[in-house]
Amino acid sequence: MSKTKVALVTGAGSGIGRATAIELAGNGFAVGLLGHTPSELEEVAELLRNSGAEVERLDADISNEGEMSAAVARLVERFGRLDAVVANASINGTWAPIEDITTEEWDKTIAVNLRGTYLTLRFAVPHLKRGEGGSIVIVSSINGTRTFTTPGATAYSATKAAQLAMTQQLALELGRHRIRVNAVCPGAIETNINDNTTVRDKDATAIPVVWPEGEVPITGGKPGRAEDVAELIAFLVGDASSHITGTPIWIDGGQGLLR
């Protein structure tokens, strides 16, 4: 068994997942990079290998039970342990009036964001229990937990609210196994998640309000960086946060306070 702590990061090919993998590798973790775009994952893997980190690339769809089971098993087979899980992968999905969202669109958002989180933890938790405890960080959002003004984002907000409920439920369930569970709730962050967003009839669901100039107060309106979230996740994974569990942390530069 490796003496190096091992972290699983989903959605590791880009955005917050990529930044988190780099941050954790820099903190001495071996990292399992899980995602569904091999070219992106390999780019991150090569970057980490060149920095001297141990890496396992895991090609999987987080909503697919068989693929997730095999991916987690492969990671543990490689390193012999699992100490941290960052359940980050998600999509924005379709943002539209509730009567316009199709069942297929609704189900896809639920499958990736909620079923994917469930499957990640279902297969990872047994390995955390067999170790000396560990840390789970679920990447939720200000949407559905602090704000509800994103036009048409009902399915997305529902999954993010559910992720926070999972965080708090599992913090109690897994506490006896010395496993901590926390959630980070980003606001606007510079990532490519908008590439998987479909928006229809925005005006039909938009809230009629004029925001102050600069919607993110602490940065003068600019979105945060993926690295900002990665550094928070690294804190929650590390020993410095050993007495923090069941806690949502909003990382939005004050954006949610305006909404």
Foldseek 3Di string as FASTA:
>chain_A
DDPFAEEEFEPCLWFLNVLLQVVVQVVGYEYEYEYADVVSQVVSVVVSVVVVHHYHYQHDQLLDLVSLLVRLVVVCVVRVAHAEYEAEDAALFEFEPPVPQDPVRLVVRCSRLPSSVVSNCVNRVVRLLVDQAHEYEYEAACQLPQDPQQHRSVSNSVSSVVVLVVQQVVCVVCVVSLYAGEYEHEYFEPIVSCVNYHYDPRVVGGDPDDFDQALQPQVRNDWHYSNVVSVVVSCRRDPVCSPDHSYYHYDYNCNSVRD
